[in-house]
Structures are given as structure tokens and as C-alpha cells.
Amino acid sequence: MIWLDGKKLAGKQADQLRQRATNLLHKKITPTLAVILVGDNPASKIYVHNKQKLCAEIGVNCKIIQLPATIAAKAIKDKIILLNNDKNIHGIILQLPLPDKLNANELIAYISPSKDVDGLHPLNIGLLASGEGIFIPATPKGILSLFKEYKISIVGKNVVIVGYGAVAGAPLSMLLAKAKATVVIAQDKTKGLNKLTKSADIVISAVGKPGLITGSMIKVGAVVVDVGITKKGKNWVGDIDTKTVAKKAACLTPVPGGVGPLTVSALLSNVILAAELSGRPASSATRNISGRGA
């Protein structure tokens, strides 16, 4: 069984990102990411810390805007508009999940598409679906880079994605289908889930439910990717029951150290891309995401 080492691959990617950031600095452009963090979700704090750490390593400026969980939606919208108008900010992300009273989709729609480095703005989702996306959502982008690194073929494979969230499952399904995989979307409550996963060449779980996928639910030789991450006691665990799945899978991502580091790396790749595009004449694609053309 092969462990798909996302941490190692992210280290290689960091060298490439550092060079791109250095090239921008020579042009007097400092790639800058603004992260809006609402409340004190423990997992979100870990994600933001990891973003800050990699930003510092590769030469990207990271601005954290910490807001209380009690903040009104209008105040967040006003903050986003200020960041949209700041020419020194190249990427803006709204760290998810948000407190229950806030509508994530409504707030994300206020982010300028040309600074939406998470790729979650409705316009960017539409461009992704049409095959013209500029900013590929970070988690799917990271997973695809992992498949490429380990030479895992997607073409013609049966893929089951458990979980259809906006950050991972939904955009990943589009990208894999475009890469000529046969994609089935399931949920943790799907009837006969074990039959679906057991027929799959590749199983990807992005639910956030510890131990959801067990060894009895996959076939021998399957590729298994764990996107879920949950705090359990003092440890972080994924959706995959590693002990039983490792006995049958051909390849498996660890938690932590699998998809997580690649998600951060992919996000910062998008930030640097946004900074690179900010200094270039607008192509038809960049006109689309900046709202200056159809």
C-alpha cells in the first residue's frame, strides 16, 4: 500500500511558488492574500495558521482580518468591498465554515471574481463548469496534483465522491468528469453507500465524519482520498478508517499530511496567479472574471 504523501509534494510545490513570488517582487508586486476569519472555529484557526506559515515561507503577504462571531453580514460585506478596492490585495478568501446565522454564498458573491482565489464566486463556478475557469478551487486542484505526482490515471475510472460541498465535492466532480472519469456523487446518508464505494476505482470522501469509510466498503486495489478532517480528542482524524482501509487500498492519503498541505499550496498558487494577472493586459478570460466583459 502506497501512502500518497501530500506534505512531501507540497514541499516541492513551495519551491516553484517561491520562484514565482520572487519574479513578482522583481516587478515591485508583492502578492497579497486577505483572509477573513469570522469567529473561533478550531479547524478554521488551524487552516489559517497553515496559510500564514506557507505565505511567510514563499514570500506572499498574508493579511488576517479577525472578526467576531456576532458580527452582522453587512459589516462583512463592507469589509469585502474595501478589500476589493484595495489594489495591493490580490486574493480574498472568506474562511469557511461561517457561524450559522451567516449565508456564505451571499457573502462570497461580494468578493470580486478577479480576487476570488478560492474559486467560489458564482461567476468563477460557471467558468469552471464551462472549462474556462481561471481559479481552480484549492482542494480539487491539490487532489489533481497528487494524482499527477503519483501517476494515478483518471481516464475511464469509476470515481465515487462522498460529499457534495462547494469547497471540495462539487468542483471536484466537474473536474474529474471533464478528465473523462465516470463520477458518482453520494452522501453519507445515501442508501447502499457501501455498494457504491465498493464498485469504485477511486473513492474520495469529503464529509467530515470520522470513520465513515471502512475497509469493508472498498475493493482491493482502490485509490482512497481522505478530504475530511475532524478534531477527535487531541487528534485530527479523517473520514477514512485508516486501519481497515490500508489493508485493501492500493493508495491512501494520510490525515494529517495528505490533502491538507496541497490545499494550502494550491490556494497560494491561485494568489500568485491573481498577482501575475494584475500586471498583465486583460485577456478575454480575465475580462470575464473582473466583470469588464462578457
C-alpha atoms as a PDB file:
ATOM      1  CA  MET A   1       0.000   0.000   0.000  1.00  0.00           C
ATOM      2  CA  ILE A   2       1.332   3.417  -1.017  1.00  0.00           C
ATOM      3  CA  TRP A   3       0.812   6.466   1.160  1.00  0.00           C
ATOM      4  CA  LEU A   4       0.035   9.491  -1.002  1.00  0.00           C
ATOM      5  CA  ASP A   5       2.312  11.991   0.710  1.00  0.00           C
ATOM      6  CA  GLY A   6       0.766  15.408   0.223  1.00  0.00           C
ATOM      7  CA  LYS A   7       3.175  17.068   2.622  1.00  0.00           C
ATOM      8  CA  LYS A   8       6.187  15.989   0.566  1.00  0.00           C
ATOM      9  CA  LEU A   9       4.609  17.121  -2.701  1.00  0.00           C
ATOM     10  CA  ALA A  10       3.585  20.451  -1.167  1.00  0.00           C
ATOM     11  CA  GLY A  11       7.241  20.982  -0.244  1.00  0.00           C
ATOM     12  CA  LYS A  12       8.234  20.586  -3.894  1.00  0.00           C
ATOM     13  CA  GLN A  13       5.454  22.932  -4.971  1.00  0.00           C
ATOM     14  CA  ALA A  14       6.606  25.534  -2.437  1.00  0.00           C
ATOM     15  CA  ASP A  15       9.916  25.881  -4.295  1.00  0.00           C
ATOM     16  CA  GLN A  16       8.047  26.697  -7.508  1.00  0.00           C
ATOM     17  CA  LEU A  17       5.731  29.137  -5.738  1.00  0.00           C
ATOM     18  CA  ARG A  18       8.685  30.886  -4.109  1.00  0.00           C
ATOM     19  CA  GLN A  19      10.275  31.454  -7.518  1.00  0.00           C
ATOM     20  CA  ARG A  20       7.042  32.880  -8.944  1.00  0.00           C
ATOM     21  CA  ALA A  21       6.682  35.196  -5.938  1.00  0.00           C
ATOM     22  CA  THR A  22      10.302  36.324  -6.356  1.00  0.00           C
ATOM     23  CA  ASN A  23       9.671  37.118 -10.019  1.00  0.00           C
ATOM     24  CA  LEU A  24       6.766  39.340  -8.972  1.00  0.00           C
ATOM     25  CA  LEU A  25       8.859  41.099  -6.338  1.00  0.00           C
ATOM     26  CA  HIS A  26      11.354  41.999  -9.072  1.00  0.00           C
ATOM     27  CA  LYS A  27       8.429  43.770 -10.770  1.00  0.00           C
ATOM     28  CA  LYS A  28       7.626  45.533  -7.484  1.00  0.00           C
ATOM     29  CA  ILE A  29       4.488  43.450  -6.962  1.00  0.00           C
ATOM     30  CA  THR A  30       4.076  41.793  -3.566  1.00  0.00           C
ATOM     31  CA  PRO A  31       1.439  39.049  -3.884  1.00  0.00           C
ATOM     32  CA  THR A  32      -1.001  39.595  -1.029  1.00  0.00           C
ATOM     33  CA  LEU A  33      -3.782  37.445   0.397  1.00  0.00           C
ATOM     34  CA  ALA A  34      -6.521  38.746   2.699  1.00  0.00           C
ATOM     35  CA  VAL A  35      -8.172  36.103   4.889  1.00  0.00           C
ATOM     36  CA  ILE A  36     -11.451  36.986   6.597  1.00  0.00           C
ATOM     37  CA  LEU A  37     -11.856  34.806   9.689  1.00  0.00           C
ATOM     38  CA  VAL A  38     -15.203  35.040  11.483  1.00  0.00           C
ATOM     39  CA  GLY A  39     -15.496  33.504  14.945  1.00  0.00           C
ATOM     40  CA  ASP A  40     -13.190  30.987  16.600  1.00  0.00           C
ATOM     41  CA  ASN A  41     -13.771  27.643  14.863  1.00  0.00           C
ATOM     42  CA  PRO A  42     -10.784  25.432  15.900  1.00  0.00           C
ATOM     43  CA  ALA A  43     -10.364  23.823  12.463  1.00  0.00           C
ATOM     44  CA  SER A  44     -10.518  27.230  10.771  1.00  0.00           C
ATOM     45  CA  LYS A  45      -7.776  28.524  13.045  1.00  0.00           C
ATOM     46  CA  ILE A  46      -5.569  25.588  12.035  1.00  0.00           C
ATOM     47  CA  TYR A  47      -6.223  26.235   8.340  1.00  0.00           C
ATOM     48  CA  VAL A  48      -5.464  29.937   8.695  1.00  0.00           C
ATOM     49  CA  HIS A  49      -2.257  29.219  10.618  1.00  0.00           C
ATOM     50  CA  ASN A  50      -1.127  26.864   7.839  1.00  0.00           C
ATOM     51  CA  LYS A  51      -1.841  29.530   5.235  1.00  0.00           C
ATOM     52  CA  GLN A  52       0.141  32.120   7.187  1.00  0.00           C
ATOM     53  CA  LYS A  53       3.062  29.748   7.577  1.00  0.00           C
ATOM     54  CA  LEU A  54       3.341  28.917   3.873  1.00  0.00           C
ATOM     55  CA  CYS A  55       2.842  32.560   2.896  1.00  0.00           C
ATOM     56  CA  ALA A  56       5.836  33.510   5.034  1.00  0.00           C
ATOM     57  CA  GLU A  57       7.924  30.714   3.523  1.00  0.00           C
ATOM     58  CA  ILE A  58       7.301  31.613  -0.113  1.00  0.00           C
ATOM     59  CA  GLY A  59       7.124  35.411   0.016  1.00  0.00           C
ATOM     60  CA  VAL A  60       3.387  36.091  -0.041  1.00  0.00           C
ATOM     61  CA  ASN A  61       1.980  38.766   2.253  1.00  0.00           C
ATOM     62  CA  CYS A  62      -0.910  37.429   4.350  1.00  0.00           C
ATOM     63  CA  LYS A  63      -3.370  39.807   5.976  1.00  0.00           C
ATOM     64  CA  ILE A  64      -5.703  38.240   8.562  1.00  0.00           C
ATOM     65  CA  ILE A  65      -8.950  40.056   9.304  1.00  0.00           C
ATOM     66  CA  GLN A  66     -10.310  38.537  12.524  1.00  0.00           C
ATOM     67  CA  LEU A  67     -13.997  39.286  13.108  1.00  0.00           C
ATOM     68  CA  PRO A  68     -16.275  38.270  15.997  1.00  0.00           C
ATOM     69  CA  ALA A  69     -18.878  35.539  15.514  1.00  0.00           C
ATOM     70  CA  THR A  70     -21.564  38.084  16.417  1.00  0.00           C
ATOM     71  CA  ILE A  71     -20.751  40.408  13.507  1.00  0.00           C
ATOM     72  CA  ALA A  72     -23.564  41.397  11.137  1.00  0.00           C
ATOM     73  CA  ALA A  73     -23.478  40.322   7.490  1.00  0.00           C
ATOM     74  CA  LYS A  74     -23.479  43.950   6.313  1.00  0.00           C
ATOM     75  CA  ALA A  75     -20.262  44.671   8.199  1.00  0.00           C
ATOM     76  CA  ILE A  76     -18.580  41.721   6.465  1.00  0.00           C
ATOM     77  CA  LYS A  77     -19.853  42.909   3.077  1.00  0.00           C
ATOM     78  CA  ASP A  78     -18.457  46.386   3.756  1.00  0.00           C
ATOM     79  CA  LYS A  79     -15.078  44.875   4.651  1.00  0.00           C
ATOM     80  CA  ILE A  80     -15.067  42.800   1.449  1.00  0.00           C
ATOM     81  CA  ILE A  81     -15.845  45.877  -0.652  1.00  0.00           C
ATOM     82  CA  LEU A  82     -12.894  47.728   0.905  1.00  0.00           C
ATOM     83  CA  LEU A  83     -10.606  44.803   0.074  1.00  0.00           C
ATOM     84  CA  ASN A  84     -11.982  44.639  -3.482  1.00  0.00           C
ATOM     85  CA  ASN A  85     -10.990  48.277  -3.965  1.00  0.00           C
ATOM     86  CA  ASP A  86      -7.508  47.864  -2.485  1.00  0.00           C
ATOM     87  CA  LYS A  87      -5.079  47.454  -5.396  1.00  0.00           C
ATOM     88  CA  ASN A  88      -2.473  45.954  -3.075  1.00  0.00           C
ATOM     89  CA  ILE A  89      -4.734  42.986  -2.266  1.00  0.00           C
ATOM     90  CA  HIS A  90      -4.649  40.275  -4.934  1.00  0.00           C
ATOM     91  CA  GLY A  91      -6.650  37.498  -3.296  1.00  0.00           C
ATOM     92  CA  ILE A  92      -9.536  37.445  -0.821  1.00  0.00           C
ATOM     93  CA  ILE A  93     -10.924  34.399   0.945  1.00  0.00           C
ATOM     94  CA  LEU A  94     -13.736  34.032   3.439  1.00  0.00           C
ATOM     95  CA  GLN A  95     -12.634  31.213   5.729  1.00  0.00           C
ATOM     96  CA  LEU A  96     -15.357  28.569   5.941  1.00  0.00           C
ATOM     97  CA  PRO A  97     -17.412  27.446   7.754  1.00  0.00           C
ATOM     98  CA  LEU A  98     -19.099  30.610   8.982  1.00  0.00           C
ATOM     99  CA  PRO A  99     -21.311  30.955  12.058  1.00  0.00           C
ATOM    100  CA  ASP A 100     -24.777  29.537  11.338  1.00  0.00           C
ATOM    101  CA  LYS A 101     -26.510  32.911  11.105  1.00  0.00           C
ATOM    102  CA  LEU A 102     -24.367  33.976   8.124  1.00  0.00           C
ATOM    103  CA  ASN A 103     -25.011  32.972   4.498  1.00  0.00           C
ATOM    104  CA  ALA A 104     -21.666  32.009   2.954  1.00  0.00           C
ATOM    105  CA  ASN A 105     -22.872  32.096  -0.665  1.00  0.00           C
ATOM    106  CA  GLU A 106     -24.341  35.567  -0.240  1.00  0.00           C
ATOM    107  CA  LEU A 107     -21.103  36.933   1.211  1.00  0.00           C
ATOM    108  CA  ILE A 108     -18.798  35.197  -1.286  1.00  0.00           C
ATOM    109  CA  ALA A 109     -20.780  36.816  -4.105  1.00  0.00           C
ATOM    110  CA  TYR A 110     -19.469  40.195  -2.887  1.00  0.00           C
ATOM    111  CA  ILE A 111     -15.844  39.190  -3.489  1.00  0.00           C
ATOM    112  CA  SER A 112     -14.507  40.480  -6.799  1.00  0.00           C
ATOM    113  CA  PRO A 113     -14.248  37.452  -9.150  1.00  0.00           C
ATOM    114  CA  SER A 114     -10.708  38.561 -10.057  1.00  0.00           C
ATOM    115  CA  LYS A 115      -9.713  38.262  -6.364  1.00  0.00           C
ATOM    116  CA  ASP A 116     -11.764  35.136  -5.611  1.00  0.00           C
ATOM    117  CA  VAL A 117      -8.790  32.809  -5.221  1.00  0.00           C
ATOM    118  CA  ASP A 118     -10.994  30.114  -3.647  1.00  0.00           C
ATOM    119  CA  GLY A 119     -12.890  29.936  -6.953  1.00  0.00           C
ATOM    120  CA  LEU A 120     -16.264  30.003  -5.187  1.00  0.00           C
ATOM    121  CA  HIS A 121     -17.833  33.142  -6.680  1.00  0.00           C
ATOM    122  CA  PRO A 122     -20.864  32.214  -8.872  1.00  0.00           C
ATOM    123  CA  LEU A 123     -19.114  33.592 -11.960  1.00  0.00           C
ATOM    124  CA  ASN A 124     -15.986  31.541 -11.317  1.00  0.00           C
ATOM    125  CA  ILE A 125     -18.043  28.408 -10.670  1.00  0.00           C
ATOM    126  CA  GLY A 126     -19.751  28.962 -14.017  1.00  0.00           C
ATOM    127  CA  LEU A 127     -16.407  29.391 -15.773  1.00  0.00           C
ATOM    128  CA  LEU A 128     -15.143  26.204 -14.123  1.00  0.00           C
ATOM    129  CA  ALA A 129     -18.191  24.283 -15.342  1.00  0.00           C
ATOM    130  CA  SER A 130     -17.622  25.557 -18.885  1.00  0.00           C
ATOM    131  CA  GLY A 131     -13.953  24.558 -18.801  1.00  0.00           C
ATOM    132  CA  GLU A 132     -12.702  28.158 -18.740  1.00  0.00           C
ATOM    133  CA  GLY A 133     -12.015  28.550 -15.028  1.00  0.00           C
ATOM    134  CA  ILE A 134      -9.073  30.730 -14.011  1.00  0.00           C
ATOM    135  CA  PHE A 135      -9.058  29.970 -10.292  1.00  0.00           C
ATOM    136  CA  ILE A 136      -9.499  26.240  -9.664  1.00  0.00           C
ATOM    137  CA  PRO A 137     -10.809  25.628  -6.117  1.00  0.00           C
ATOM    138  CA  ALA A 138      -7.862  24.711  -3.926  1.00  0.00           C
ATOM    139  CA  THR A 139      -8.846  21.279  -2.611  1.00  0.00           C
ATOM    140  CA  PRO A 140      -9.704  19.788  -6.029  1.00  0.00           C
ATOM    141  CA  LYS A 141      -6.607  21.424  -7.519  1.00  0.00           C
ATOM    142  CA  GLY A 142      -4.481  19.848  -4.796  1.00  0.00           C
ATOM    143  CA  ILE A 143      -6.016  16.405  -5.305  1.00  0.00           C
ATOM    144  CA  LEU A 144      -5.416  16.532  -9.054  1.00  0.00           C
ATOM    145  CA  SER A 145      -1.782  17.476  -8.452  1.00  0.00           C
ATOM    146  CA  LEU A 146      -1.471  14.449  -6.156  1.00  0.00           C
ATOM    147  CA  PHE A 147      -2.851  12.149  -8.848  1.00  0.00           C
ATOM    148  CA  LYS A 148      -0.393  13.615 -11.350  1.00  0.00           C
ATOM    149  CA  GLU A 149       2.575  13.210  -8.987  1.00  0.00           C
ATOM    150  CA  TYR A 150       1.796   9.548  -8.314  1.00  0.00           C
ATOM    151  CA  LYS A 151       0.780   8.846 -11.934  1.00  0.00           C
ATOM    152  CA  ILE A 152      -2.747   7.809 -10.967  1.00  0.00           C
ATOM    153  CA  SER A 153      -4.806   7.672 -14.140  1.00  0.00           C
ATOM    154  CA  ILE A 154      -8.299   9.178 -14.071  1.00  0.00           C
ATOM    155  CA  VAL A 155      -9.447   8.449 -17.618  1.00  0.00           C
ATOM    156  CA  GLY A 156     -12.191   5.838 -17.704  1.00  0.00           C
ATOM    157  CA  LYS A 157     -12.061   5.231 -13.947  1.00  0.00           C
ATOM    158  CA  ASN A 158     -15.148   4.838 -11.774  1.00  0.00           C
ATOM    159  CA  VAL A 159     -14.974   7.509  -9.082  1.00  0.00           C
ATOM    160  CA  VAL A 160     -17.277   7.869  -6.089  1.00  0.00           C
ATOM    161  CA  ILE A 161     -17.188  11.200  -4.268  1.00  0.00           C
ATOM    162  CA  VAL A 162     -18.886  11.139  -0.880  1.00  0.00           C
ATOM    163  CA  GLY A 163     -19.949  14.687  -0.020  1.00  0.00           C
ATOM    164  CA  TYR A 164     -21.060  17.466  -2.357  1.00  0.00           C
ATOM    165  CA  GLY A 165     -19.832  20.616  -0.628  1.00  0.00           C
ATOM    166  CA  ALA A 166     -18.979  23.771  -2.553  1.00  0.00           C
ATOM    167  CA  VAL A 167     -15.324  23.674  -1.496  1.00  0.00           C
ATOM    168  CA  ALA A 168     -14.430  20.110  -2.491  1.00  0.00           C
ATOM    169  CA  GLY A 169     -17.053  17.646  -3.723  1.00  0.00           C
ATOM    170  CA  ALA A 170     -18.947  19.808  -6.205  1.00  0.00           C
ATOM    171  CA  PRO A 171     -15.999  21.352  -8.107  1.00  0.00           C
ATOM    172  CA  LEU A 172     -14.028  18.104  -7.937  1.00  0.00           C
ATOM    173  CA  SER A 173     -16.880  16.232  -9.614  1.00  0.00           C
ATOM    174  CA  MET A 174     -16.792  18.705 -12.517  1.00  0.00           C
ATOM    175  CA  LEU A 175     -13.027  18.476 -12.940  1.00  0.00           C
ATOM    176  CA  LEU A 176     -12.931  14.673 -12.809  1.00  0.00           C
ATOM    177  CA  ALA A 177     -15.817  14.354 -15.267  1.00  0.00           C
ATOM    178  CA  LYS A 178     -14.005  16.721 -17.637  1.00  0.00           C
ATOM    179  CA  ALA A 179     -10.921  14.492 -17.268  1.00  0.00           C
ATOM    180  CA  LYS A 180     -13.074  11.608 -18.596  1.00  0.00           C
ATOM    181  CA  ALA A 181     -13.737   9.781 -15.347  1.00  0.00           C
ATOM    182  CA  THR A 182     -17.168   8.343 -14.601  1.00  0.00           C
ATOM    183  CA  VAL A 183     -18.231  10.216 -11.480  1.00  0.00           C
ATOM    184  CA  VAL A 184     -20.903   9.268  -8.956  1.00  0.00           C
ATOM    185  CA  ILE A 185     -21.853  11.692  -6.192  1.00  0.00           C
ATOM    186  CA  ALA A 186     -23.021  10.240  -2.878  1.00  0.00           C
ATOM    187  CA  GLN A 187     -23.766  11.499   0.611  1.00  0.00           C
ATOM    188  CA  ASP A 188     -23.082   9.916   3.973  1.00  0.00           C
ATOM    189  CA  LYS A 189     -26.827   9.115   4.201  1.00  0.00           C
ATOM    190  CA  THR A 190     -27.027   7.576   0.709  1.00  0.00           C
ATOM    191  CA  LYS A 191     -28.768   4.200   0.753  1.00  0.00           C
ATOM    192  CA  GLY A 192     -26.416   1.439  -0.331  1.00  0.00           C
ATOM    193  CA  LEU A 193     -23.369   3.665   0.047  1.00  0.00           C
ATOM    194  CA  ASN A 194     -21.162   0.645   0.696  1.00  0.00           C
ATOM    195  CA  LYS A 195     -22.167  -0.896  -2.641  1.00  0.00           C
ATOM    196  CA  LEU A 196     -21.311   2.298  -4.496  1.00  0.00           C
ATOM    197  CA  THR A 197     -17.918   2.719  -2.877  1.00  0.00           C
ATOM    198  CA  LYS A 198     -17.055  -0.955  -3.270  1.00  0.00           C
ATOM    199  CA  SER A 199     -17.510  -0.701  -7.040  1.00  0.00           C
ATOM    200  CA  ALA A 200     -15.257   2.361  -7.344  1.00  0.00           C
ATOM    201  CA  ASP A 201     -11.686   2.507  -8.597  1.00  0.00           C
ATOM    202  CA  ILE A 202     -11.238   5.782  -6.718  1.00  0.00           C
ATOM    203  CA  VAL A 203     -13.074   6.757  -3.522  1.00  0.00           C
ATOM    204  CA  ILE A 204     -12.915  10.349  -2.297  1.00  0.00           C
ATOM    205  CA  SER A 205     -14.592  11.253   0.992  1.00  0.00           C
ATOM    206  CA  ALA A 206     -15.225  14.893   1.896  1.00  0.00           C
ATOM    207  CA  VAL A 207     -17.847  14.739   4.630  1.00  0.00           C
ATOM    208  CA  GLY A 208     -16.126  15.424   7.936  1.00  0.00           C
ATOM    209  CA  LYS A 209     -17.412  12.289   9.639  1.00  0.00           C
ATOM    210  CA  PRO A 210     -14.693  10.194  11.328  1.00  0.00           C
ATOM    211  CA  GLY A 211     -14.553   6.541  10.294  1.00  0.00           C
ATOM    212  CA  LEU A 212     -17.253   6.901   7.634  1.00  0.00           C
ATOM    213  CA  ILE A 213     -15.392   4.779   5.067  1.00  0.00           C
ATOM    214  CA  THR A 214     -14.190   1.391   6.310  1.00  0.00           C
ATOM    215  CA  GLY A 215     -12.235  -1.410   4.701  1.00  0.00           C
ATOM    216  CA  SER A 216     -15.414  -3.395   4.019  1.00  0.00           C
ATOM    217  CA  MET A 217     -16.638  -0.534   1.801  1.00  0.00           C
ATOM    218  CA  ILE A 218     -13.819  -0.539  -0.745  1.00  0.00           C
ATOM    219  CA  LYS A 219     -12.474  -3.047  -3.217  1.00  0.00           C
ATOM    220  CA  VAL A 220      -8.945  -4.395  -3.214  1.00  0.00           C
ATOM    221  CA  GLY A 221      -6.621  -2.066  -5.112  1.00  0.00           C
ATOM    222  CA  ALA A 222      -8.751   1.068  -4.827  1.00  0.00           C
ATOM    223  CA  VAL A 223      -7.293   4.557  -4.556  1.00  0.00           C
ATOM    224  CA  VAL A 224      -8.716   6.286  -1.468  1.00  0.00           C
ATOM    225  CA  VAL A 225      -8.519  10.026  -0.820  1.00  0.00           C
ATOM    226  CA  ASP A 226      -9.488  11.473   2.564  1.00  0.00           C
ATOM    227  CA  VAL A 227     -10.589  15.108   2.448  1.00  0.00           C
ATOM    228  CA  GLY A 228     -12.486  15.121   5.746  1.00  0.00           C
ATOM    229  CA  ILE A 229     -10.832  16.389   8.899  1.00  0.00           C
ATOM    230  CA  THR A 230     -12.361  16.436  12.379  1.00  0.00           C
ATOM    231  CA  LYS A 231     -10.993  17.128  15.864  1.00  0.00           C
ATOM    232  CA  LYS A 232     -11.338  13.969  17.969  1.00  0.00           C
ATOM    233  CA  GLY A 233      -9.941  14.394  21.440  1.00  0.00           C
ATOM    234  CA  LYS A 234      -6.485  15.854  20.972  1.00  0.00           C
ATOM    235  CA  ASN A 235      -6.067  14.475  17.457  1.00  0.00           C
ATOM    236  CA  TRP A 236      -7.233  15.370  13.963  1.00  0.00           C
ATOM    237  CA  VAL A 237      -8.823  12.475  12.089  1.00  0.00           C
ATOM    238  CA  GLY A 238     -10.292  11.967   8.632  1.00  0.00           C
ATOM    239  CA  ASP A 239     -13.340  10.249   7.147  1.00  0.00           C
ATOM    240  CA  ILE A 240     -11.368   7.086   6.417  1.00  0.00           C
ATOM    241  CA  ASP A 241     -10.905   4.270   8.926  1.00  0.00           C
ATOM    242  CA  THR A 242      -7.217   4.043   8.127  1.00  0.00           C
ATOM    243  CA  LYS A 243      -6.558   0.775   9.948  1.00  0.00           C
ATOM    244  CA  THR A 244      -9.023  -1.286   7.894  1.00  0.00           C
ATOM    245  CA  VAL A 245      -8.805   0.614   4.601  1.00  0.00           C
ATOM    246  CA  ALA A 246      -4.990   0.394   4.464  1.00  0.00           C
ATOM    247  CA  LYS A 247      -5.284  -3.400   4.297  1.00  0.00           C
ATOM    248  CA  LYS A 248      -7.141  -3.240   0.969  1.00  0.00           C
ATOM    249  CA  ALA A 249      -6.316   0.038  -0.759  1.00  0.00           C
ATOM    250  CA  ALA A 250      -3.523   0.403  -3.300  1.00  0.00           C
ATOM    251  CA  CYS A 251      -3.060   4.060  -2.343  1.00  0.00           C
ATOM    252  CA  LEU A 252      -4.307   6.159   0.560  1.00  0.00           C
ATOM    253  CA  THR A 253      -3.864   9.732   1.766  1.00  0.00           C
ATOM    254  CA  PRO A 254      -2.948  10.201   5.437  1.00  0.00           C
ATOM    255  CA  VAL A 255      -4.648  12.652   7.798  1.00  0.00           C
ATOM    256  CA  PRO A 256      -2.914  14.911   8.520  1.00  0.00           C
ATOM    257  CA  GLY A 257      -0.310  15.249   5.767  1.00  0.00           C
ATOM    258  CA  GLY A 258      -2.390  14.236   2.771  1.00  0.00           C
ATOM    259  CA  VAL A 259      -4.801  16.619   1.069  1.00  0.00           C
ATOM    260  CA  GLY A 260      -4.434  19.466   3.588  1.00  0.00           C
ATOM    261  CA  PRO A 261      -0.934  20.704   2.661  1.00  0.00           C
ATOM    262  CA  LEU A 262      -1.814  20.545  -1.036  1.00  0.00           C
ATOM    263  CA  THR A 263      -4.962  22.595  -0.473  1.00  0.00           C
ATOM    264  CA  VAL A 264      -2.896  25.390   1.064  1.00  0.00           C
ATOM    265  CA  SER A 265      -0.304  25.138  -1.708  1.00  0.00           C
ATOM    266  CA  ALA A 266      -2.999  25.286  -4.399  1.00  0.00           C
ATOM    267  CA  LEU A 267      -4.629  28.299  -2.776  1.00  0.00           C
ATOM    268  CA  LEU A 268      -1.357  30.240  -2.737  1.00  0.00           C
ATOM    269  CA  SER A 269      -0.744  29.252  -6.341  1.00  0.00           C
ATOM    270  CA  ASN A 270      -4.048  30.990  -7.113  1.00  0.00           C
ATOM    271  CA  VAL A 271      -2.997  34.066  -5.112  1.00  0.00           C
ATOM    272  CA  ILE A 272       0.235  34.324  -7.077  1.00  0.00           C
ATOM    273  CA  LEU A 273      -1.699  33.811 -10.317  1.00  0.00           C
ATOM    274  CA  ALA A 274      -4.030  36.669  -9.365  1.00  0.00           C
ATOM    275  CA  ALA A 275      -0.998  38.883  -8.709  1.00  0.00           C
ATOM    276  CA  GLU A 276       0.553  37.856 -12.031  1.00  0.00           C
ATOM    277  CA  LEU A 277      -2.685  38.651 -13.871  1.00  0.00           C
ATOM    278  CA  SER A 278      -2.962  42.027 -12.145  1.00  0.00           C
ATOM    279  CA  GLY A 279       0.111  43.214 -14.020  1.00  0.00           C
ATOM    280  CA  ARG A 280      -0.924  41.971 -17.465  1.00  0.00           C
ATOM    281  CA  PRO A 281      -3.225  43.315 -20.177  1.00  0.00           C
ATOM    282  CA  ALA A 282      -6.669  41.724 -19.803  1.00  0.00           C
ATOM    283  CA  SER A 283      -7.378  38.644 -21.924  1.00  0.00           C
ATOM    284  CA  SER A 284     -10.971  37.587 -22.613  1.00  0.00           C
ATOM    285  CA  ALA A 285     -10.828  35.224 -19.632  1.00  0.00           C
ATOM    286  CA  THR A 286      -9.513  37.835 -17.203  1.00  0.00           C
ATOM    287  CA  ARG A 287     -12.040  40.370 -18.511  1.00  0.00           C
ATOM    288  CA  ASN A 288     -14.718  37.838 -17.639  1.00  0.00           C
ATOM    289  CA  ILE A 289     -13.605  37.392 -14.047  1.00  0.00           C
ATOM    290  CA  SER A 290     -13.082  41.113 -13.475  1.00  0.00           C
ATOM    291  CA  GLY A 291     -16.532  41.920 -14.806  1.00  0.00           C
ATOM    292  CA  ARG A 292     -15.273  44.106 -17.679  1.00  0.00           C
ATOM    293  CA  GLY A 293     -16.520  41.892 -20.472  1.00  0.00           C
ATOM    294  CA  ALA A 294     -18.853  39.078 -21.356  1.00  0.00           C
END
